[in-house]
Protein backbone atom coordinates (compact mmCIF):
# COMPACT_ATOMS: atom_id res chain seq x y z
CA MET A 1 -19.56 -27.03 6.79
CA ARG A 2 -21.69 -24.16 7.97
CA PHE A 3 -23.37 -21.68 5.69
CA HIS A 4 -22.65 -18.06 6.53
CA ALA A 5 -25.35 -15.90 4.98
CA VAL A 6 -23.73 -12.64 6.04
CA ARG A 7 -20.48 -13.47 4.23
CA THR A 8 -22.36 -14.58 1.14
CA ILE A 9 -24.52 -11.46 1.05
CA SER A 10 -21.61 -9.11 1.73
CA GLY A 11 -19.54 -10.84 -0.96
CA ALA A 12 -22.37 -10.48 -3.45
CA ILE A 13 -22.81 -6.80 -2.58
CA ALA A 14 -19.06 -6.21 -2.97
CA GLY A 15 -19.06 -7.97 -6.34
CA ILE A 16 -22.01 -5.92 -7.55
CA GLY A 17 -20.28 -2.74 -6.37
CA LEU A 18 -17.04 -3.62 -8.18
CA ALA A 19 -18.93 -4.47 -11.36
CA ALA A 20 -20.90 -1.20 -11.19
CA PHE A 21 -17.68 0.77 -10.66
CA ALA A 22 -15.94 -0.97 -13.58
CA PHE A 23 -18.98 -0.42 -15.79
CA GLY A 24 -19.02 3.29 -14.91
CA VAL A 25 -15.31 3.68 -15.65
CA ILE A 26 -15.66 1.89 -18.99
CA ILE A 27 -18.66 4.00 -20.01
CA THR A 28 -16.81 7.17 -19.02
CA LEU A 29 -13.75 6.15 -21.03
CA ILE A 30 -15.88 5.34 -24.07
CA LYS A 31 -17.43 8.81 -24.03
CA LEU A 32 -14.04 10.55 -24.11
CA PRO A 33 -12.17 11.45 -27.32
CA HIS A 34 -9.64 8.85 -28.46
CA SER A 35 -6.55 10.74 -27.27
CA ARG A 36 -7.87 11.22 -23.76
CA ARG A 37 -9.49 7.77 -23.64
CA TYR A 38 -6.19 6.01 -24.12
CA ALA A 39 -4.29 8.40 -21.86
CA TYR A 40 -6.74 7.94 -18.98
CA GLY A 41 -6.87 4.20 -19.59
CA ALA A 42 -3.08 4.04 -19.48
CA MET A 43 -3.09 5.90 -16.16
CA LEU A 44 -5.79 3.70 -14.63
CA LEU A 45 -4.35 0.34 -15.68
CA PRO A 46 -1.31 0.30 -13.35
CA ILE A 47 -3.42 1.43 -10.40
CA ALA A 48 -6.05 -1.23 -11.04
CA LEU A 49 -3.42 -3.93 -11.52
CA HIS A 50 -1.56 -2.90 -8.38
CA THR A 51 -4.65 -3.04 -6.19
CA GLN A 52 -5.46 -6.55 -7.38
CA VAL A 53 -2.05 -8.18 -7.09
CA GLU A 54 -0.24 -6.41 -4.25
CA LEU A 55 -1.44 -8.54 -1.33
CA PRO A 56 -0.93 -12.02 -2.88
CA PHE A 57 2.68 -11.15 -3.70
CA TYR A 58 3.28 -10.03 -0.11
CA ILE A 59 1.88 -13.15 1.52
CA SER A 60 2.71 -15.98 -0.87
CA SER A 61 5.88 -17.10 -2.61
CA LEU A 62 3.77 -19.38 -4.80
CA HIS A 63 2.21 -16.33 -6.46
CA TRP A 64 5.70 -15.02 -7.29
CA PHE A 65 6.66 -18.39 -8.75
CA VAL A 66 3.53 -18.62 -10.93
CA PHE A 67 3.96 -15.00 -12.07
CA THR A 68 7.60 -15.63 -12.98
CA VAL A 69 6.75 -18.81 -14.88
CA CYS A 70 4.01 -16.99 -16.80
CA CYS A 71 6.40 -14.16 -17.71
CA VAL A 72 9.13 -16.53 -18.86
CA THR A 73 6.66 -18.65 -20.82
CA SER A 74 5.10 -15.66 -22.55
CA LYS A 75 8.53 -14.24 -23.40
CA HIS A 76 9.67 -17.61 -24.77
CA THR A 77 6.57 -18.10 -26.94
CA THR A 78 6.80 -14.50 -28.21
CA LEU A 79 10.42 -14.90 -29.25
CA SER A 80 9.98 -18.31 -30.86
CA ALA A 81 6.93 -17.33 -32.92
């Protein structure tokens, strides 16, 4: 197995960038009043979720299966509790 320094460095830079962006968004939301904080958070959550899960659902039926099992399991445990 060969070590690819460019991929490792670019992955680390991307991770640092994502963490810095998330940190900035969280700090900005904390500084807002409660009513706007929750409204903006509610608007950002679907966008953030969509960008993270769109591609795996397009390319893999296994992701759909795991997602469905998790939904059914969580619904079952919520109703039986």
